[in-house]
Amino acid sequence: MTGGKLNGGIMAWNSTIDIGGGTIECSKSLSSGYYDKCLRLYVTNDVATCTITGGTFIDTYGKQVISSEGNGELNIQGGTFRSTSTLDTNNLITVEGTDCNISGGNFRNDRLYHAAVAVKGNSALHISNGSFLGTGKAIAIESASSVNITGGIFTSNCGIWIRNDSTTSPITISLSLIHISEPTRH
């Protein structure tokens, strides 16, 4: 997908998908289940990848913008990911069992008890750049096989949240390249 607007979701099952532009909007009118996310990646083998270099992913009803499950790879190099809904029901992006590499993009999360990006299961999360804004968590490490954060701008009230029993593997956060600031209060 390189342009246009889709009011609905994309379901990619064991597929390779590239998104370089356009708008994908999830709204209340979507049915529950597979298509209640802007993009759902479901992988049962190691060949599936999703690369996002641009585009806008908007949730209007408290749903997930991206859900990635299985042994695939999610590469986010750019794009805007946000919700216009403050329903505190889901993370914006959840990866479970997936290798997730974020090297760019703007992530806006105003869901206080959920995250812009949540990592679960046997996942690997690598963040080298990107802007994480909002009143909710920027990153939630609920469980993971490895986490490596070496860059990015985190201006979220809750920042990087690590569940204390989330992983037995090392979590690497290099603060020298990360900008963490508190949002402006009015």
N, C-alpha and C. Protein backbone atom coordinates (compact mmCIF):
# COMPACT_ATOMS: atom_id res chain seq x y z
N MET A 1 0.86 -1.17 0.00
CA MET A 1 0.00 0.00 0.00
C MET A 1 0.90 1.23 0.00
N THR A 2 0.66 2.13 -0.94
CA THR A 2 1.49 3.34 -1.02
C THR A 2 0.67 4.62 -1.00
N GLY A 3 -0.63 4.53 -0.95
CA GLY A 3 -1.46 5.73 -0.93
C GLY A 3 -2.92 5.37 -0.75
N GLY A 4 -3.75 6.39 -0.68
CA GLY A 4 -5.17 6.19 -0.54
C GLY A 4 -5.60 6.08 0.91
N LYS A 5 -6.88 5.78 1.10
CA LYS A 5 -7.44 5.65 2.45
C LYS A 5 -8.26 4.38 2.53
N LEU A 6 -8.04 3.62 3.59
CA LEU A 6 -8.78 2.40 3.85
C LEU A 6 -9.51 2.55 5.17
N ASN A 7 -10.83 2.51 5.13
CA ASN A 7 -11.63 2.51 6.35
C ASN A 7 -11.91 1.06 6.69
N GLY A 8 -11.04 0.48 7.45
CA GLY A 8 -11.15 -0.92 7.79
C GLY A 8 -9.79 -1.44 8.18
N GLY A 9 -9.62 -2.72 8.11
CA GLY A 9 -8.37 -3.32 8.54
C GLY A 9 -7.76 -4.20 7.49
N ILE A 10 -6.50 -4.53 7.68
CA ILE A 10 -5.77 -5.46 6.83
C ILE A 10 -5.41 -6.67 7.66
N MET A 11 -5.72 -7.85 7.17
CA MET A 11 -5.34 -9.09 7.82
C MET A 11 -4.30 -9.76 6.93
N ALA A 12 -3.10 -9.95 7.47
CA ALA A 12 -2.03 -10.58 6.72
C ALA A 12 -1.65 -11.88 7.41
N TRP A 13 -1.93 -13.00 6.78
CA TRP A 13 -1.69 -14.32 7.35
C TRP A 13 -0.53 -14.95 6.60
N ASN A 14 0.61 -15.15 7.28
CA ASN A 14 1.81 -15.73 6.66
C ASN A 14 2.17 -15.01 5.37
N SER A 15 2.16 -13.70 5.41
CA SER A 15 2.36 -12.89 4.21
C SER A 15 3.53 -11.94 4.38
N THR A 16 3.99 -11.43 3.25
CA THR A 16 4.94 -10.33 3.25
C THR A 16 4.17 -9.10 2.80
N ILE A 17 4.25 -8.04 3.60
CA ILE A 17 3.47 -6.84 3.30
C ILE A 17 4.36 -5.62 3.48
N ASP A 18 4.25 -4.67 2.54
CA ASP A 18 5.00 -3.41 2.60
C ASP A 18 3.99 -2.27 2.55
N ILE A 19 4.13 -1.34 3.49
CA ILE A 19 3.25 -0.18 3.53
C ILE A 19 4.14 1.05 3.53
N GLY A 20 3.95 1.90 2.51
CA GLY A 20 4.78 3.09 2.37
C GLY A 20 4.00 4.38 2.41
N GLY A 21 2.69 4.31 2.54
CA GLY A 21 1.89 5.53 2.57
C GLY A 21 0.42 5.21 2.66
N GLY A 22 -0.37 6.25 2.68
CA GLY A 22 -1.81 6.09 2.78
C GLY A 22 -2.27 6.16 4.22
N THR A 23 -3.58 6.02 4.40
CA THR A 23 -4.19 6.07 5.73
C THR A 23 -5.04 4.84 5.94
N ILE A 24 -4.86 4.20 7.08
CA ILE A 24 -5.69 3.09 7.48
C ILE A 24 -6.38 3.51 8.76
N GLU A 25 -7.72 3.53 8.73
CA GLU A 25 -8.48 3.99 9.89
C GLU A 25 -9.40 2.89 10.39
N CYS A 26 -9.28 2.58 11.68
CA CYS A 26 -10.14 1.59 12.33
C CYS A 26 -11.22 2.35 13.08
N SER A 27 -12.45 1.93 12.92
CA SER A 27 -13.54 2.64 13.60
C SER A 27 -14.49 1.65 14.25
N LYS A 28 -15.47 2.17 14.96
CA LYS A 28 -16.46 1.35 15.66
C LYS A 28 -17.22 0.44 14.71
N SER A 29 -17.34 0.83 13.48
CA SER A 29 -18.13 0.05 12.53
C SER A 29 -17.49 -1.29 12.17
N LEU A 30 -16.21 -1.46 12.50
CA LEU A 30 -15.55 -2.73 12.17
C LEU A 30 -16.09 -3.84 13.05
N SER A 31 -16.19 -5.02 12.49
CA SER A 31 -16.62 -6.16 13.28
C SER A 31 -15.55 -6.55 14.27
N SER A 32 -15.93 -7.26 15.30
CA SER A 32 -14.93 -7.72 16.26
C SER A 32 -14.16 -8.89 15.67
N GLY A 33 -13.07 -9.22 16.29
CA GLY A 33 -12.27 -10.34 15.81
C GLY A 33 -11.10 -9.88 14.98
N TYR A 34 -10.85 -10.58 13.87
CA TYR A 34 -9.66 -10.33 13.07
C TYR A 34 -9.56 -8.91 12.55
N TYR A 35 -10.65 -8.30 12.21
CA TYR A 35 -10.60 -7.04 11.51
C TYR A 35 -10.86 -5.83 12.40
N ASP A 36 -10.77 -6.00 13.71
CA ASP A 36 -10.97 -4.85 14.58
C ASP A 36 -9.65 -4.13 14.87
N LYS A 37 -8.63 -4.41 14.09
CA LYS A 37 -7.34 -3.73 14.17
C LYS A 37 -7.06 -3.12 12.81
N CYS A 38 -6.28 -2.05 12.77
CA CYS A 38 -5.91 -1.50 11.47
C CYS A 38 -5.09 -2.51 10.67
N LEU A 39 -4.17 -3.18 11.38
CA LEU A 39 -3.32 -4.16 10.73
C LEU A 39 -3.10 -5.33 11.68
N ARG A 40 -3.47 -6.53 11.24
CA ARG A 40 -3.26 -7.72 12.05
C ARG A 40 -2.36 -8.66 11.27
N LEU A 41 -1.20 -8.98 11.88
CA LEU A 41 -0.26 -9.91 11.29
C LEU A 41 -0.34 -11.19 12.09
N TYR A 42 -0.57 -12.29 11.41
CA TYR A 42 -0.64 -13.58 12.08
C TYR A 42 0.29 -14.53 11.34
N VAL A 43 1.30 -15.02 12.07
CA VAL A 43 2.35 -15.81 11.43
C VAL A 43 2.43 -17.18 12.07
N THR A 44 2.43 -18.22 11.23
CA THR A 44 2.62 -19.57 11.74
C THR A 44 3.92 -20.19 11.21
N ASN A 45 4.69 -19.40 10.45
CA ASN A 45 6.01 -19.85 10.00
C ASN A 45 6.96 -18.66 10.02
N ASP A 46 8.21 -18.86 9.63
CA ASP A 46 9.22 -17.81 9.75
C ASP A 46 9.39 -16.95 8.50
N VAL A 47 8.50 -16.99 7.57
CA VAL A 47 8.72 -16.27 6.32
C VAL A 47 7.96 -14.95 6.24
N ALA A 48 7.10 -14.67 7.15
CA ALA A 48 6.27 -13.47 7.06
C ALA A 48 6.99 -12.25 7.60
N THR A 49 6.89 -11.15 6.86
CA THR A 49 7.45 -9.88 7.30
C THR A 49 6.49 -8.76 6.95
N CYS A 50 6.55 -7.70 7.74
CA CYS A 50 5.81 -6.49 7.45
C CYS A 50 6.77 -5.33 7.63
N THR A 51 6.89 -4.51 6.60
CA THR A 51 7.75 -3.33 6.65
C THR A 51 6.89 -2.10 6.42
N ILE A 52 6.97 -1.17 7.35
CA ILE A 52 6.19 0.07 7.27
C ILE A 52 7.18 1.22 7.19
N THR A 53 7.15 1.95 6.07
CA THR A 53 8.05 3.10 5.89
C THR A 53 7.30 4.42 5.94
N GLY A 54 5.99 4.37 5.93
CA GLY A 54 5.19 5.59 5.98
C GLY A 54 3.73 5.24 6.10
N GLY A 55 2.92 6.27 6.14
CA GLY A 55 1.48 6.06 6.26
C GLY A 55 0.98 6.50 7.62
N THR A 56 -0.34 6.55 7.74
CA THR A 56 -1.00 6.94 8.98
C THR A 56 -1.94 5.84 9.40
N PHE A 57 -1.82 5.43 10.65
CA PHE A 57 -2.65 4.37 11.22
C PHE A 57 -3.43 4.99 12.37
N ILE A 58 -4.74 5.07 12.22
CA ILE A 58 -5.57 5.77 13.20
C ILE A 58 -6.64 4.83 13.73
N ASP A 59 -6.75 4.77 15.06
CA ASP A 59 -7.85 4.06 15.70
C ASP A 59 -8.81 5.10 16.24
N THR A 60 -10.10 4.90 16.03
CA THR A 60 -11.09 5.86 16.52
C THR A 60 -11.97 5.28 17.62
N TYR A 61 -11.71 4.01 18.02
CA TYR A 61 -12.62 3.39 18.99
C TYR A 61 -11.93 2.50 20.02
N GLY A 62 -10.70 2.77 20.36
CA GLY A 62 -10.03 2.03 21.43
C GLY A 62 -9.51 0.67 21.03
N LYS A 63 -9.32 0.43 19.76
CA LYS A 63 -8.80 -0.85 19.27
C LYS A 63 -7.29 -0.77 19.08
N GLN A 64 -6.67 -1.88 18.73
CA GLN A 64 -5.24 -1.89 18.43
C GLN A 64 -5.01 -1.38 17.02
N VAL A 65 -3.94 -0.63 16.85
CA VAL A 65 -3.55 -0.19 15.53
C VAL A 65 -2.85 -1.33 14.80
N ILE A 66 -1.92 -1.99 15.50
CA ILE A 66 -1.23 -3.16 14.93
C ILE A 66 -1.17 -4.26 15.97
N SER A 67 -1.51 -5.46 15.54
CA SER A 67 -1.35 -6.66 16.36
C SER A 67 -0.53 -7.65 15.54
N SER A 68 0.61 -8.08 16.09
CA SER A 68 1.46 -9.02 15.38
C SER A 68 1.71 -10.23 16.26
N GLU A 69 1.31 -11.39 15.76
CA GLU A 69 1.42 -12.63 16.53
C GLU A 69 2.17 -13.66 15.71
N GLY A 70 3.11 -14.34 16.34
CA GLY A 70 3.82 -15.41 15.66
C GLY A 70 5.25 -15.08 15.36
N ASN A 71 5.92 -15.95 14.62
CA ASN A 71 7.36 -15.88 14.40
C ASN A 71 7.78 -14.99 13.25
N GLY A 72 7.07 -13.96 12.97
CA GLY A 72 7.42 -13.08 11.87
C GLY A 72 8.29 -11.93 12.30
N GLU A 73 8.38 -10.94 11.40
CA GLU A 73 9.19 -9.76 11.66
C GLU A 73 8.39 -8.52 11.29
N LEU A 74 8.35 -7.57 12.21
CA LEU A 74 7.67 -6.29 12.01
C LEU A 74 8.73 -5.20 12.03
N ASN A 75 8.89 -4.49 10.92
CA ASN A 75 9.88 -3.42 10.79
C ASN A 75 9.15 -2.11 10.59
N ILE A 76 9.27 -1.21 11.56
CA ILE A 76 8.63 0.11 11.46
C ILE A 76 9.74 1.13 11.29
N GLN A 77 9.79 1.73 10.09
CA GLN A 77 10.82 2.71 9.76
C GLN A 77 10.26 4.12 9.68
N GLY A 78 8.95 4.25 9.69
CA GLY A 78 8.31 5.54 9.62
C GLY A 78 6.81 5.37 9.72
N GLY A 79 6.11 6.49 9.69
CA GLY A 79 4.66 6.46 9.78
C GLY A 79 4.17 7.10 11.07
N THR A 80 2.87 7.30 11.13
CA THR A 80 2.22 7.88 12.30
C THR A 80 1.22 6.88 12.83
N PHE A 81 1.26 6.63 14.13
CA PHE A 81 0.41 5.64 14.79
C PHE A 81 -0.26 6.33 15.97
N ARG A 82 -1.60 6.41 15.93
CA ARG A 82 -2.28 7.12 17.00
C ARG A 82 -3.72 6.67 17.13
N SER A 83 -4.32 7.10 18.22
CA SER A 83 -5.73 6.85 18.46
C SER A 83 -6.41 8.16 18.77
N THR A 84 -7.58 8.35 18.21
CA THR A 84 -8.38 9.53 18.57
C THR A 84 -9.33 9.18 19.70
N SER A 85 -9.30 7.94 20.14
CA SER A 85 -10.16 7.48 21.23
C SER A 85 -9.36 7.42 22.52
N THR A 86 -9.97 7.80 23.62
CA THR A 86 -9.32 7.67 24.91
C THR A 86 -9.86 6.46 25.68
N LEU A 87 -10.63 5.59 25.00
CA LEU A 87 -11.04 4.34 25.63
C LEU A 87 -9.78 3.56 25.98
N ASP A 88 -9.62 3.22 27.23
CA ASP A 88 -8.39 2.60 27.70
C ASP A 88 -8.53 1.08 27.66
N THR A 89 -8.64 0.52 26.45
CA THR A 89 -8.93 -0.89 26.31
C THR A 89 -7.81 -1.72 25.70
N ASN A 90 -6.90 -1.11 24.95
CA ASN A 90 -5.86 -1.86 24.24
C ASN A 90 -4.59 -1.03 24.10
N ASN A 91 -3.48 -1.72 23.88
CA ASN A 91 -2.25 -1.06 23.46
C ASN A 91 -2.43 -0.63 22.02
N LEU A 92 -1.69 0.38 21.60
CA LEU A 92 -1.73 0.76 20.18
C LEU A 92 -1.14 -0.36 19.33
N ILE A 93 0.05 -0.81 19.70
CA ILE A 93 0.74 -1.87 18.96
C ILE A 93 1.13 -2.95 19.95
N THR A 94 0.75 -4.19 19.66
CA THR A 94 1.13 -5.33 20.49
C THR A 94 1.86 -6.35 19.63
N VAL A 95 3.05 -6.74 20.08
CA VAL A 95 3.79 -7.80 19.40
C VAL A 95 3.94 -8.97 20.36
N GLU A 96 3.62 -10.14 19.86
CA GLU A 96 3.70 -11.35 20.68
C GLU A 96 4.33 -12.46 19.86
N GLY A 97 5.57 -12.82 20.21
CA GLY A 97 6.29 -13.85 19.47
C GLY A 97 6.95 -13.33 18.22
N THR A 98 6.97 -12.03 18.02
CA THR A 98 7.46 -11.40 16.80
C THR A 98 8.74 -10.63 17.08
N ASP A 99 9.64 -10.56 16.10
CA ASP A 99 10.77 -9.64 16.18
C ASP A 99 10.28 -8.29 15.67
N CYS A 100 10.38 -7.27 16.52
CA CYS A 100 9.90 -5.94 16.17
C CYS A 100 11.07 -4.97 16.19
N ASN A 101 11.30 -4.32 15.05
CA ASN A 101 12.39 -3.35 14.90
C ASN A 101 11.78 -1.99 14.58
N ILE A 102 12.02 -1.02 15.45
CA ILE A 102 11.49 0.33 15.23
C ILE A 102 12.67 1.27 15.06
N SER A 103 12.78 1.86 13.85
CA SER A 103 13.86 2.80 13.56
C SER A 103 13.32 4.17 13.17
N GLY A 104 12.04 4.38 13.33
CA GLY A 104 11.42 5.66 13.04
C GLY A 104 9.93 5.59 13.23
N GLY A 105 9.29 6.74 13.15
CA GLY A 105 7.84 6.81 13.29
C GLY A 105 7.44 7.67 14.47
N ASN A 106 6.18 8.09 14.45
CA ASN A 106 5.59 8.88 15.52
C ASN A 106 4.45 8.09 16.14
N PHE A 107 4.54 7.88 17.45
CA PHE A 107 3.59 7.06 18.17
C PHE A 107 2.93 7.92 19.25
N ARG A 108 1.62 8.07 19.18
CA ARG A 108 0.88 8.90 20.15
C ARG A 108 -0.07 8.01 20.93
N ASN A 109 0.16 7.90 22.25
CA ASN A 109 -0.67 7.05 23.10
C ASN A 109 -1.25 7.88 24.25
N ASP A 110 -2.55 8.04 24.27
CA ASP A 110 -3.22 8.73 25.37
C ASP A 110 -4.10 7.77 26.17
N ARG A 111 -3.73 6.52 26.18
CA ARG A 111 -4.43 5.50 26.99
C ARG A 111 -3.58 5.24 28.22
N LEU A 112 -4.00 5.77 29.36
CA LEU A 112 -3.18 5.82 30.56
C LEU A 112 -2.65 4.45 31.00
N TYR A 113 -3.47 3.41 30.94
CA TYR A 113 -3.06 2.10 31.46
C TYR A 113 -2.55 1.16 30.38
N HIS A 114 -2.37 1.65 29.19
CA HIS A 114 -1.86 0.83 28.10
C HIS A 114 -0.70 1.54 27.42
N ALA A 115 -0.08 0.88 26.47
CA ALA A 115 1.17 1.38 25.88
C ALA A 115 1.04 1.68 24.40
N ALA A 116 1.95 2.52 23.93
CA ALA A 116 2.07 2.73 22.49
C ALA A 116 2.57 1.43 21.85
N VAL A 117 3.59 0.82 22.45
CA VAL A 117 4.12 -0.46 21.97
C VAL A 117 4.26 -1.40 23.16
N ALA A 118 3.61 -2.55 23.10
CA ALA A 118 3.72 -3.57 24.14
C ALA A 118 4.34 -4.83 23.54
N VAL A 119 5.27 -5.41 24.29
CA VAL A 119 5.93 -6.62 23.82
C VAL A 119 5.62 -7.74 24.80
N LYS A 120 5.23 -8.91 24.24
CA LYS A 120 4.81 -10.05 25.05
C LYS A 120 5.40 -11.32 24.46
N GLY A 121 5.38 -12.37 25.26
CA GLY A 121 5.76 -13.69 24.76
C GLY A 121 7.21 -13.77 24.35
N ASN A 122 7.49 -14.62 23.41
CA ASN A 122 8.85 -14.86 22.94
C ASN A 122 9.21 -13.85 21.85
N SER A 123 9.15 -12.57 22.20
CA SER A 123 9.38 -11.49 21.24
C SER A 123 10.74 -10.85 21.46
N ALA A 124 11.21 -10.18 20.43
CA ALA A 124 12.40 -9.35 20.53
C ALA A 124 12.01 -7.94 20.09
N LEU A 125 12.38 -6.95 20.88
CA LEU A 125 12.07 -5.56 20.56
C LEU A 125 13.37 -4.78 20.46
N HIS A 126 13.55 -4.08 19.34
CA HIS A 126 14.73 -3.26 19.11
C HIS A 126 14.25 -1.87 18.68
N ILE A 127 14.59 -0.85 19.45
CA ILE A 127 14.19 0.52 19.11
C ILE A 127 15.45 1.36 18.99
N SER A 128 15.67 1.96 17.81
CA SER A 128 16.82 2.83 17.61
C SER A 128 16.42 4.27 17.35
N ASN A 129 15.13 4.51 17.09
CA ASN A 129 14.65 5.86 16.83
C ASN A 129 13.13 5.85 16.88
N GLY A 130 12.54 7.01 16.86
CA GLY A 130 11.10 7.15 16.90
C GLY A 130 10.71 8.15 17.97
N SER A 131 9.51 8.66 17.87
CA SER A 131 8.99 9.63 18.83
C SER A 131 7.76 9.04 19.50
N PHE A 132 7.78 8.95 20.83
CA PHE A 132 6.72 8.34 21.61
C PHE A 132 6.13 9.39 22.53
N LEU A 133 4.88 9.79 22.26
CA LEU A 133 4.23 10.88 22.98
C LEU A 133 2.95 10.40 23.64
N GLY A 134 2.45 11.17 24.61
CA GLY A 134 1.13 10.90 25.16
C GLY A 134 1.12 10.76 26.67
N THR A 135 -0.08 10.50 27.18
CA THR A 135 -0.26 10.39 28.62
C THR A 135 -0.10 8.96 29.12
N GLY A 136 -0.10 7.99 28.24
CA GLY A 136 0.05 6.60 28.63
C GLY A 136 1.49 6.15 28.54
N LYS A 137 1.70 4.86 28.66
CA LYS A 137 3.04 4.27 28.58
C LYS A 137 3.57 4.39 27.16
N ALA A 138 4.85 4.65 27.03
CA ALA A 138 5.47 4.63 25.71
C ALA A 138 5.72 3.19 25.30
N ILE A 139 6.44 2.45 26.15
CA ILE A 139 6.79 1.07 25.89
C ILE A 139 6.40 0.24 27.12
N ALA A 140 5.78 -0.90 26.91
CA ALA A 140 5.47 -1.83 28.00
C ALA A 140 6.14 -3.16 27.68
N ILE A 141 7.04 -3.57 28.56
CA ILE A 141 7.70 -4.87 28.41
C ILE A 141 7.00 -5.81 29.38
N GLU A 142 6.05 -6.56 28.83
CA GLU A 142 5.25 -7.46 29.67
C GLU A 142 5.91 -8.82 29.79
N SER A 143 6.57 -9.24 28.77
CA SER A 143 7.44 -10.41 28.74
C SER A 143 8.13 -10.36 27.39
N ALA A 144 9.36 -10.83 27.34
CA ALA A 144 10.10 -10.77 26.08
C ALA A 144 11.35 -11.62 26.18
N SER A 145 11.84 -12.04 25.02
CA SER A 145 13.09 -12.78 25.02
C SER A 145 14.27 -11.82 24.97
N SER A 146 14.11 -10.65 24.35
CA SER A 146 15.17 -9.64 24.38
C SER A 146 14.60 -8.27 24.06
N VAL A 147 15.17 -7.26 24.69
CA VAL A 147 14.78 -5.87 24.46
C VAL A 147 16.05 -5.04 24.38
N ASN A 148 16.16 -4.21 23.33
CA ASN A 148 17.32 -3.36 23.14
C ASN A 148 16.82 -2.00 22.67
N ILE A 149 16.92 -0.98 23.52
CA ILE A 149 16.47 0.37 23.20
C ILE A 149 17.70 1.27 23.21
N THR A 150 18.08 1.79 22.03
CA THR A 150 19.29 2.60 21.92
C THR A 150 19.00 4.02 21.46
N GLY A 151 17.78 4.36 21.15
CA GLY A 151 17.47 5.71 20.70
C GLY A 151 15.98 5.95 20.71
N GLY A 152 15.62 7.21 20.48
CA GLY A 152 14.23 7.60 20.43
C GLY A 152 13.96 8.77 21.34
N ILE A 153 12.79 9.35 21.17
CA ILE A 153 12.33 10.45 22.02
C ILE A 153 11.10 9.96 22.75
N PHE A 154 11.14 9.99 24.06
CA PHE A 154 10.06 9.47 24.89
C PHE A 154 9.52 10.61 25.75
N THR A 155 8.38 11.19 25.35
CA THR A 155 7.75 12.25 26.13
C THR A 155 6.37 11.78 26.53
N SER A 156 6.37 10.73 27.29
CA SER A 156 5.15 10.08 27.75
C SER A 156 5.14 10.12 29.26
N ASN A 157 3.97 10.24 29.87
CA ASN A 157 3.88 10.29 31.32
C ASN A 157 4.47 9.05 31.98
N CYS A 158 4.28 7.89 31.38
CA CYS A 158 4.71 6.64 32.01
C CYS A 158 6.01 6.09 31.45
N GLY A 159 6.53 6.62 30.38
CA GLY A 159 7.82 6.21 29.83
C GLY A 159 7.90 4.73 29.49
N ILE A 160 9.02 4.12 29.84
CA ILE A 160 9.27 2.71 29.57
C ILE A 160 8.90 1.93 30.81
N TRP A 161 7.95 1.02 30.68
CA TRP A 161 7.42 0.27 31.81
C TRP A 161 7.84 -1.18 31.66
N ILE A 162 8.45 -1.73 32.71
CA ILE A 162 8.92 -3.12 32.69
C ILE A 162 8.24 -3.86 33.83
N ARG A 163 7.47 -4.87 33.50
CA ARG A 163 6.86 -5.70 34.54
C ARG A 163 7.98 -6.49 35.22
N ASN A 164 8.02 -6.50 36.53
CA ASN A 164 9.17 -7.04 37.25
C ASN A 164 9.41 -8.53 37.02
N ASP A 165 8.45 -9.28 36.60
CA ASP A 165 8.66 -10.69 36.29
C ASP A 165 8.57 -10.94 34.78
N SER A 166 8.86 -9.90 34.00
CA SER A 166 8.58 -9.97 32.57
C SER A 166 9.57 -10.79 31.77
N THR A 167 10.80 -10.88 32.19
CA THR A 167 11.78 -11.57 31.36
C THR A 167 12.96 -12.04 32.20
N THR A 168 13.58 -13.09 31.76
CA THR A 168 14.82 -13.54 32.38
C THR A 168 16.01 -13.16 31.50
N SER A 169 15.74 -12.59 30.34
CA SER A 169 16.79 -12.17 29.42
C SER A 169 17.19 -10.74 29.70
N PRO A 170 18.37 -10.36 29.26
CA PRO A 170 18.81 -8.98 29.49
C PRO A 170 17.94 -7.96 28.75
N ILE A 171 17.76 -6.83 29.40
CA ILE A 171 17.09 -5.69 28.79
C ILE A 171 18.14 -4.60 28.71
N THR A 172 18.43 -4.12 27.49
CA THR A 172 19.44 -3.11 27.30
C THR A 172 18.78 -1.79 26.93
N ILE A 173 19.02 -0.77 27.74
CA ILE A 173 18.53 0.57 27.44
C ILE A 173 19.72 1.51 27.53
N SER A 174 20.09 2.10 26.40
CA SER A 174 21.22 3.01 26.35
C SER A 174 20.71 4.43 26.46
N LEU A 175 20.85 5.02 27.64
CA LEU A 175 20.31 6.36 27.89
C LEU A 175 21.07 7.46 27.19
N SER A 176 22.25 7.20 26.70
CA SER A 176 23.02 8.24 26.05
C SER A 176 22.38 8.74 24.75
N LEU A 177 21.58 7.92 24.12
CA LEU A 177 20.97 8.31 22.85
C LEU A 177 19.47 8.51 22.96
N ILE A 178 18.92 8.45 24.16
CA ILE A 178 17.49 8.56 24.35
C ILE A 178 17.16 9.88 25.02
N HIS A 179 16.14 10.55 24.51
CA HIS A 179 15.67 11.79 25.12
C HIS A 179 14.35 11.49 25.83
N ILE A 180 14.38 11.58 27.16
CA ILE A 180 13.17 11.36 27.95
C ILE A 180 12.81 12.67 28.62
N SER A 181 11.61 13.16 28.37
CA SER A 181 11.21 14.41 29.00
C SER A 181 9.76 14.30 29.47
N GLU A 182 9.43 15.15 30.39
CA GLU A 182 8.08 15.18 30.91
C GLU A 182 7.26 16.11 30.03
N PRO A 183 6.00 15.77 29.74
CA PRO A 183 5.18 16.64 28.90
C PRO A 183 4.93 17.98 29.57
N THR A 184 4.66 18.97 28.74
CA THR A 184 4.32 20.29 29.25
C THR A 184 2.96 20.24 29.92
N ARG A 185 2.88 20.78 31.09
CA ARG A 185 1.60 20.79 31.83
C ARG A 185 0.98 22.17 31.73
N HIS A 186 -0.31 22.20 31.50
CA HIS A 186 -1.04 23.47 31.38
C HIS A 186 -1.97 23.65 32.55
